[in-house]
């Protein structure tokens, strides 16, 4: 009987050892496979073919206008190994031209960014990557928005790690290139589901705005003027666009026509006067207020030719360009413009609630209150009292 018990115990032990060995082998194979994911070649947003190993990266650096913002929508911020000085608000010596403007990605991760070493100065005046500072952060991948192919290739050779170039395109948050950048980040950082969810959200929002406004007849549409659009920080009531993306999405009739180019550009005072007589509604981007105020102080009659100004139909949208495009704010602006121009079609939309919904989708946090508190937000979306606002 005792011998049988001994034999049985030996059999159980043998089976356990065999199972453990098999388990270790299987686990080891799985672990090895997951820790050493297959290398693939991806094409970045400027057409460069780059070899990457999805899901393997532990130290990430983002360089160039908008790169960190895009990464913050999809990537794990705890993987950052460095940050540009412009995005580290704890530094006393750094570019500060955008500090008063809402940059939701910086606001959402301000404490985390403050703990990181510098990977370069950043900002509009930084037109080249600082390789030595990047190297000091020891990244294993770099996300960039410097779009010069030759320089990106040279930087990759110098750093010895993949350099992935992103971009958005002329339609900003609604552009295929923005979606492409999100999906590329999703592929590289094993966050494809997150990227697809964000892109689907933007598509849904765009479709909803367009659906509500597409059947409005042209003769029933007010003529609308947008000014103060950011262009390297130089902006005022004469800076506009005849192909403003938010207007196009919301089927808004732009009073600006006949310009030689479609992008953001300055118009002559004479053109402004001509357009002003036909302008039913005027939007001012918050980025322009600091420049318009002194001009208004010099000549309070500067807007006297604008019909919307005289009739009290002037509105403030949030600044959407601050170290490149704030994509979530550009989307919210589109909702605000649509609701303002076509109030009957958007009675159910509360802009504060919409702001929270959008920032929650992009950054995981409801940020309306924080965005509206920024000095250059002037309290948030609003109808401007033209008798007091610029005084």
Protein backbone atom coordinates (compact mmCIF):
# COMPACT_ATOMS: atom_id res chain seq x y z
CA UNK A 1 0.00 0.00 0.00
CA UNK A 2 2.85 2.27 0.96
CA UNK A 3 4.63 1.45 -2.31
CA UNK A 4 1.50 2.35 -4.28
CA UNK A 5 1.30 5.71 -2.49
CA UNK A 6 4.95 6.39 -3.28
CA UNK A 7 4.46 5.47 -6.95
CA UNK A 8 1.36 7.68 -7.14
CA UNK A 9 3.23 10.59 -5.56
CA UNK A 10 6.07 10.14 -8.02
CA UNK A 11 3.64 10.13 -10.93
CA UNK A 12 1.97 13.34 -9.70
CA UNK A 13 5.36 15.01 -9.28
CA UNK A 14 6.42 13.91 -12.74
CA UNK A 15 3.23 15.26 -14.24
CA UNK A 16 3.68 18.57 -12.37
CA UNK A 17 7.26 18.88 -13.59
CA UNK A 18 6.15 18.07 -17.13
CA UNK A 19 3.30 20.58 -16.95
CA UNK A 20 5.60 23.25 -15.52
CA UNK A 21 8.16 22.60 -18.22
CA UNK A 22 5.51 22.80 -20.91
CA UNK A 23 4.04 25.88 -19.29
CA UNK A 24 7.42 27.56 -19.09
CA UNK A 25 8.10 26.71 -22.68
CA UNK A 26 4.77 28.05 -23.85
CA UNK A 27 4.98 31.08 -21.59
CA UNK A 28 8.53 31.74 -22.63
CA UNK A 29 7.61 31.53 -26.28
CA UNK A 30 4.65 33.84 -25.78
CA UNK A 31 6.66 36.30 -23.73
CA UNK A 32 9.43 36.29 -26.27
CA UNK A 33 6.95 36.85 -29.06
CA UNK A 34 5.27 39.73 -27.25
CA UNK A 35 8.49 41.36 -26.09
CA UNK A 36 10.02 40.98 -29.52
CA UNK A 37 7.15 41.90 -31.78
CA UNK A 38 7.62 41.57 -35.49
CA UNK A 39 9.38 44.42 -37.23
CA UNK A 40 7.33 46.03 -39.97
CA UNK A 41 7.87 48.80 -42.48
CA UNK A 42 5.45 51.71 -42.30
CA UNK A 43 5.10 54.73 -44.53
CA UNK A 44 4.97 57.92 -42.54
CA UNK A 45 2.96 61.01 -43.45
CA UNK A 46 5.62 62.48 -45.75
CA UNK A 47 6.09 59.19 -47.62
CA UNK A 48 9.22 57.92 -45.85
CA UNK A 49 9.47 54.16 -45.34
CA UNK A 50 10.54 53.44 -41.77
CA UNK A 51 11.11 50.12 -40.01
CA UNK A 52 9.36 49.94 -36.64
CA UNK A 53 8.52 47.32 -34.06
CA UNK A 54 4.97 48.05 -32.90
CA UNK A 55 4.41 48.00 -29.15
CA UNK A 56 8.08 47.78 -28.26
CA UNK A 57 8.87 51.42 -27.53
CA UNK A 58 9.50 52.59 -23.97
CA UNK A 59 11.11 56.02 -24.41
CA UNK A 60 9.41 58.48 -26.76
CA UNK A 61 10.40 62.00 -27.76
CA UNK A 62 8.13 64.35 -29.77
CA UNK A 63 9.61 67.28 -31.69
CA UNK A 64 8.26 70.07 -33.87
CA UNK A 65 5.03 72.05 -33.86
CA UNK A 66 2.09 69.77 -33.08
CA UNK A 67 3.93 66.46 -32.67
CA UNK A 68 3.41 66.14 -28.91
CA UNK A 69 -0.20 67.26 -29.27
CA UNK A 70 -0.91 64.52 -31.81
CA UNK A 71 0.91 61.93 -29.71
CA UNK A 72 -1.11 62.93 -26.62
CA UNK A 73 -4.34 61.92 -28.37
CA UNK A 74 -3.17 58.34 -28.95
CA UNK A 75 0.06 57.53 -27.11
CA UNK A 76 0.93 56.68 -23.52
CA UNK A 77 2.24 59.91 -21.97
CA UNK A 78 4.16 57.95 -19.33
CA UNK A 79 6.52 56.79 -22.10
CA UNK A 80 7.77 60.31 -22.82
CA UNK A 81 11.52 60.66 -22.24
CA UNK A 82 11.79 64.38 -22.96
CA UNK A 83 9.78 67.47 -23.82
CA UNK A 84 10.40 70.69 -25.72
CA UNK A 85 10.87 73.72 -23.49
CA UNK A 86 7.83 75.46 -24.97
CA UNK A 87 5.61 72.71 -23.53
CA UNK A 88 7.24 72.65 -20.07
CA UNK A 89 5.49 75.41 -18.14
CA UNK A 90 7.74 74.93 -15.08
CA UNK A 91 10.72 76.51 -16.88
CA UNK A 92 11.40 80.22 -16.47
CA UNK A 93 13.56 80.41 -19.62
CA UNK A 94 11.55 79.17 -22.58
CA UNK A 95 9.28 80.44 -25.38
CA UNK A 96 6.17 81.85 -23.72
CA UNK A 97 4.22 83.37 -26.61
CA UNK A 98 1.41 80.81 -26.26
CA UNK A 99 1.14 80.71 -22.47
CA UNK A 100 -2.11 82.67 -22.31
CA UNK A 101 -3.76 80.54 -25.00
CA UNK A 102 -5.47 77.25 -24.26
CA UNK A 103 -3.35 74.33 -25.43
CA UNK A 104 -5.38 71.42 -24.03
CA UNK A 105 -2.62 68.81 -24.34
CA UNK A 106 -0.26 70.94 -22.21
CA UNK A 107 -3.01 71.73 -19.71
CA UNK A 108 -4.03 68.07 -19.41
CA UNK A 109 -0.49 66.83 -18.75
CA UNK A 110 1.21 69.89 -17.27
CA UNK A 111 2.51 68.11 -14.17
CA UNK A 112 3.86 65.15 -16.12
CA UNK A 113 5.60 67.35 -18.69
CA UNK A 114 7.25 69.43 -15.96
CA UNK A 115 9.23 66.40 -14.77
CA UNK A 116 10.84 65.65 -18.14
CA UNK A 117 14.26 66.76 -19.44
CA UNK A 118 14.55 69.03 -22.46
CA UNK A 119 14.65 67.58 -25.97
CA UNK A 120 14.98 71.06 -27.49
CA UNK A 121 13.61 74.59 -27.19
CA UNK A 122 10.71 74.22 -29.62
CA UNK A 123 8.42 77.03 -30.67
CA UNK A 124 7.89 78.89 -33.96
CA UNK A 125 11.50 80.07 -34.08
CA UNK A 126 12.92 76.56 -33.75
CA UNK A 127 13.08 75.44 -37.36
CA UNK A 128 15.40 72.47 -36.86
CA UNK A 129 15.60 69.52 -34.51
CA UNK A 130 18.25 69.70 -31.76
CA UNK A 131 19.90 66.31 -32.16
CA UNK A 132 22.21 66.54 -29.15
CA UNK A 133 19.37 67.35 -26.76
CA UNK A 134 17.25 64.59 -28.27
CA UNK A 135 20.11 62.11 -27.84
CA UNK A 136 20.49 63.12 -24.19
CA UNK A 137 16.92 61.87 -23.60
CA UNK A 138 17.91 58.44 -24.99
CA UNK A 139 14.69 57.84 -26.96
CA UNK A 140 14.02 54.61 -28.79
CA UNK A 141 11.65 56.39 -31.21
CA UNK A 142 11.05 60.01 -32.23
CA UNK A 143 7.72 61.46 -33.36
CA UNK A 144 8.29 64.55 -35.49
CA UNK A 145 6.44 67.26 -37.38
CA UNK A 146 9.48 68.56 -39.21
CA UNK A 147 8.38 67.66 -42.71
CA UNK A 148 11.64 67.95 -44.67
CA UNK A 149 12.29 64.39 -45.88
CA UNK A 150 16.06 64.74 -46.26
CA UNK A 151 16.45 66.28 -42.81
CA UNK A 152 14.25 63.62 -41.25
CA UNK A 153 16.37 60.89 -42.82
CA UNK A 154 19.56 62.59 -41.64
CA UNK A 155 18.15 62.93 -38.11
CA UNK A 156 17.22 59.24 -38.04
CA UNK A 157 20.75 58.30 -39.10
CA UNK A 158 22.23 60.56 -36.44
CA UNK A 159 19.98 59.28 -33.66
CA UNK A 160 20.01 55.64 -34.66
CA UNK A 161 16.29 55.23 -33.89
CA UNK A 162 13.13 55.45 -36.02
CA UNK A 163 11.92 58.99 -36.76
CA UNK A 164 8.23 59.07 -37.68
CA UNK A 165 6.91 62.21 -39.37
CA UNK A 166 3.29 63.25 -38.87
CA UNK A 167 1.20 65.98 -40.47
CA UNK A 168 -2.42 67.15 -40.57
CA UNK A 169 -3.12 68.71 -43.95
CA UNK A 170 -5.03 71.83 -45.02
CA UNK A 171 -8.36 70.73 -43.54
CA UNK A 172 -6.87 70.27 -40.08
CA UNK A 173 -8.86 67.96 -37.83
CA UNK A 174 -11.12 67.05 -40.77
CA UNK A 175 -8.23 66.20 -43.10
CA UNK A 176 -7.40 62.66 -44.20
CA UNK A 177 -3.82 63.33 -43.15
CA UNK A 178 -4.92 63.95 -39.57
CA UNK A 179 -6.74 60.63 -39.55
CA UNK A 180 -3.71 59.01 -41.18
CA UNK A 181 -1.42 60.38 -38.47
CA UNK A 182 -3.73 59.07 -35.74
CA UNK A 183 -3.89 55.61 -37.30
CA UNK A 184 -0.13 55.53 -37.82
CA UNK A 185 0.43 56.32 -34.14
CA UNK A 186 -2.13 53.65 -33.28
CA UNK A 187 -0.22 51.06 -35.29
CA UNK A 188 3.17 51.95 -33.83
CA UNK A 189 2.04 52.06 -30.20
CA UNK A 190 -0.49 49.20 -30.26
CA UNK A 191 -3.34 51.67 -29.86
CA UNK A 192 -5.20 51.11 -33.11
CA UNK A 193 -8.57 50.79 -31.40
CA UNK A 194 -8.08 54.17 -29.71
CA UNK A 195 -7.06 55.76 -33.03
CA UNK A 196 -10.02 54.28 -34.87
CA UNK A 197 -12.39 55.47 -32.15
CA UNK A 198 -11.06 59.02 -32.36
CA UNK A 199 -11.22 59.11 -36.16
CA UNK A 200 -14.77 57.71 -36.13
CA UNK A 201 -15.78 60.38 -33.61
CA UNK A 202 -14.44 63.19 -35.81
CA UNK A 203 -16.19 61.73 -38.86
CA UNK A 204 -19.46 61.47 -36.94
CA UNK A 205 -19.23 65.05 -35.68
CA UNK A 206 -18.43 66.36 -39.14
CA UNK A 207 -21.32 64.44 -40.69
CA UNK A 208 -23.77 65.63 -38.03
CA UNK A 209 -22.88 69.30 -38.48
CA UNK A 210 -23.11 69.03 -42.26
CA UNK A 211 -26.39 67.09 -42.16
CA UNK A 212 -28.09 69.77 -40.07
CA UNK A 213 -27.10 72.56 -42.47
CA UNK A 214 -26.89 71.04 -45.94
CA UNK A 215 -30.48 71.77 -46.95
CA UNK A 216 -30.52 75.44 -45.97
CA UNK A 217 -31.09 77.47 -49.11
CA UNK A 218 -28.40 79.92 -50.09
CA UNK A 219 -30.70 82.93 -50.06
CA UNK A 220 -31.60 82.11 -46.45
CA UNK A 221 -27.99 82.11 -45.30
CA UNK A 222 -26.42 85.15 -43.64
CA UNK A 223 -23.06 86.36 -44.96
CA UNK A 224 -20.32 85.66 -42.44
CA UNK A 225 -16.80 87.03 -41.93
CA UNK A 226 -14.03 85.34 -39.93
CA UNK A 227 -10.98 87.27 -38.83
CA UNK A 228 -8.02 87.00 -36.51
CA UNK A 229 -6.89 83.65 -37.87
CA UNK A 230 -3.42 82.74 -36.67
CA UNK A 231 -0.53 83.11 -39.09
CA UNK A 232 2.79 82.97 -37.23
CA UNK A 233 1.31 85.13 -34.50
CA UNK A 234 0.59 88.11 -36.76
CA UNK A 235 -3.15 88.45 -36.82
CA UNK A 236 -5.88 91.08 -36.58
CA UNK A 237 -9.20 92.05 -38.16
CA UNK A 238 -7.61 91.94 -41.64
CA UNK A 239 -6.40 88.32 -41.37
CA UNK A 240 -9.02 86.02 -42.89
CA UNK A 241 -9.60 83.12 -45.29
CA UNK A 242 -12.06 82.56 -48.11
CA UNK A 243 -11.81 78.80 -47.71
CA UNK A 244 -12.28 78.52 -43.96
CA UNK A 245 -12.70 74.85 -43.10
CA UNK A 246 -15.26 75.30 -40.31
CA UNK A 247 -17.42 77.38 -42.66
CA UNK A 248 -17.21 74.68 -45.32
CA UNK A 249 -18.21 71.89 -42.94
CA UNK A 250 -21.13 73.91 -41.55
CA UNK A 251 -22.26 75.15 -44.99
CA UNK A 252 -21.75 78.77 -43.97
CA UNK A 253 -21.79 81.50 -46.61
CA UNK A 254 -18.40 83.19 -46.45
CA UNK A 255 -18.56 86.88 -47.34
CA UNK A 256 -14.90 86.69 -48.41
CA UNK A 257 -14.53 85.89 -52.10
CA UNK A 258 -12.30 86.81 -54.99
CA UNK A 259 -8.95 86.34 -53.26
CA UNK A 260 -6.06 84.86 -55.22
CA UNK A 261 -5.29 82.20 -52.60
CA UNK A 262 -7.39 80.02 -50.33
CA UNK A 263 -5.28 79.90 -47.17
CA UNK A 264 -5.11 82.28 -44.23
CA UNK A 265 -4.04 85.68 -45.53
CA UNK A 266 -4.23 89.41 -44.95
CA UNK A 267 -6.59 91.59 -46.92
CA UNK A 268 -6.36 95.32 -47.60
CA UNK A 269 -8.33 97.83 -45.56
CA UNK A 270 -10.31 98.70 -48.67
CA UNK A 271 -11.33 95.06 -49.07
CA UNK A 272 -12.33 94.92 -45.41
CA UNK A 273 -14.55 97.99 -45.87
CA UNK A 274 -16.12 96.49 -48.99
CA UNK A 275 -16.87 93.21 -47.22
CA UNK A 276 -18.03 94.90 -44.03
CA UNK A 277 -21.10 96.40 -45.65
CA UNK A 278 -22.28 92.88 -46.54
CA UNK A 279 -21.28 91.11 -43.32
CA UNK A 280 -24.26 89.90 -41.29
CA UNK A 281 -22.26 87.95 -38.70
CA UNK A 282 -18.63 88.40 -37.71
CA UNK A 283 -16.40 85.93 -35.86
CA UNK A 284 -13.16 86.99 -34.23
CA UNK A 285 -10.64 84.33 -33.29
CA UNK A 286 -9.49 84.94 -29.71
CA UNK A 287 -5.87 84.96 -30.87
CA UNK A 288 -6.43 88.35 -32.49
CA UNK A 289 -7.86 90.22 -29.51
CA UNK A 290 -4.42 91.27 -28.20
CA UNK A 291 -3.64 92.88 -31.56
CA UNK A 292 -7.05 94.40 -32.22
CA UNK A 293 -7.26 96.14 -28.83
CA UNK A 294 -4.47 98.67 -29.47
CA UNK A 295 -5.74 99.28 -32.99
CA UNK A 296 -9.20 99.92 -31.59
CA UNK A 297 -7.71 102.34 -29.05
CA UNK A 298 -6.08 104.27 -31.89
CA UNK A 299 -9.22 104.37 -34.02
CA UNK A 300 -12.48 103.29 -32.44
CA UNK A 301 -14.19 103.67 -35.80
CA UNK A 302 -12.19 100.87 -37.37
CA UNK A 303 -15.23 98.56 -37.51
CA UNK A 304 -17.84 101.20 -38.31
CA UNK A 305 -18.17 99.89 -41.85
CA UNK A 306 -19.05 96.39 -40.64
CA UNK A 307 -22.79 95.73 -40.59
CA UNK A 308 -22.43 92.96 -37.98
CA UNK A 309 -20.44 95.27 -35.71
CA UNK A 310 -23.08 97.98 -35.80
CA UNK A 311 -25.90 95.48 -35.25
CA UNK A 312 -24.20 93.60 -32.41
CA UNK A 313 -23.64 90.33 -34.23
CA UNK A 314 -19.95 89.81 -33.40
CA UNK A 315 -18.83 86.57 -31.76
CA UNK A 316 -15.68 85.13 -30.25
CA UNK A 317 -14.33 81.70 -31.16
CA UNK A 318 -11.49 80.06 -29.24
CA UNK A 319 -7.95 80.38 -30.58
CA UNK A 320 -7.27 77.15 -32.45
CA UNK A 321 -3.70 77.87 -33.55
CA UNK A 322 -1.12 77.86 -30.75
CA UNK A 323 2.11 76.05 -31.63
CA UNK A 324 0.18 74.63 -34.54
CA UNK A 325 -3.45 73.53 -34.53
CA UNK A 326 -5.48 72.68 -31.43
CA UNK A 327 -7.48 70.01 -33.24
CA UNK A 328 -10.10 69.53 -30.55
CA UNK A 329 -10.72 73.27 -30.36
CA UNK A 330 -10.99 73.51 -34.15
CA UNK A 331 -13.76 70.91 -33.96
CA UNK A 332 -15.55 72.73 -31.13
CA UNK A 333 -15.26 76.01 -33.04
CA UNK A 334 -17.09 74.39 -35.94
CA UNK A 335 -19.99 73.46 -33.66
CA UNK A 336 -20.04 76.99 -32.21
CA UNK A 337 -20.03 78.65 -35.63
CA UNK A 338 -22.81 76.36 -36.87
CA UNK A 339 -24.94 77.00 -33.77
CA UNK A 340 -24.41 80.77 -33.99
CA UNK A 341 -25.17 81.09 -37.71
CA UNK A 342 -28.04 78.58 -37.68
CA UNK A 343 -29.54 78.67 -34.14
CA UNK A 344 -32.74 76.85 -35.11
CA UNK A 345 -30.80 73.83 -36.35
CA UNK A 346 -28.66 73.59 -33.18
CA UNK A 347 -31.06 74.39 -30.34
CA UNK A 348 -30.13 71.17 -28.56
CA UNK A 349 -26.39 71.88 -28.54
CA UNK A 350 -24.82 73.36 -25.41
CA UNK A 351 -21.30 74.54 -26.27
CA UNK A 352 -19.86 73.94 -22.81
CA UNK A 353 -21.19 70.38 -22.82
CA UNK A 354 -19.90 69.89 -26.37
CA UNK A 355 -16.48 71.19 -25.35
CA UNK A 356 -16.34 68.66 -22.53
CA UNK A 357 -17.46 65.86 -24.83
CA UNK A 358 -14.79 66.66 -27.41
CA UNK A 359 -11.90 67.06 -24.96
CA UNK A 360 -12.97 63.88 -23.17
CA UNK A 361 -12.75 62.01 -26.48
CA UNK A 362 -9.41 63.51 -27.50
CA UNK A 363 -7.62 63.70 -24.13
CA UNK A 364 -9.69 61.70 -21.68
CA UNK A 365 -10.62 64.77 -19.62
CA UNK A 366 -13.48 67.28 -19.56
CA UNK A 367 -11.68 70.59 -19.96
CA UNK A 368 -14.21 73.29 -20.81
CA UNK A 369 -13.77 75.15 -17.53
CA UNK A 370 -9.97 75.11 -17.79
CA UNK A 371 -10.00 76.20 -21.44
CA UNK A 372 -12.37 79.10 -20.80
CA UNK A 373 -10.26 80.26 -17.81
CA UNK A 374 -7.15 80.87 -19.90
CA UNK A 375 -6.45 84.60 -20.27
CA UNK A 376 -6.63 84.52 -24.07
CA UNK A 377 -10.02 82.73 -23.94
CA UNK A 378 -11.71 85.76 -22.33
CA UNK A 379 -14.21 83.56 -20.53
CA UNK A 380 -15.07 81.34 -23.49
CA UNK A 381 -17.41 81.40 -26.45
CA UNK A 382 -19.57 84.50 -26.42
CA UNK A 383 -21.32 87.32 -28.24
CA UNK A 384 -19.06 90.33 -27.98
CA UNK A 385 -20.35 93.59 -26.60
CA UNK A 386 -18.79 95.85 -29.21
CA UNK A 387 -19.12 98.87 -26.92
CA UNK A 388 -16.97 97.47 -24.11
CA UNK A 389 -15.02 94.36 -25.13
CA UNK A 390 -12.04 96.08 -26.76
CA UNK A 391 -11.78 98.93 -24.27
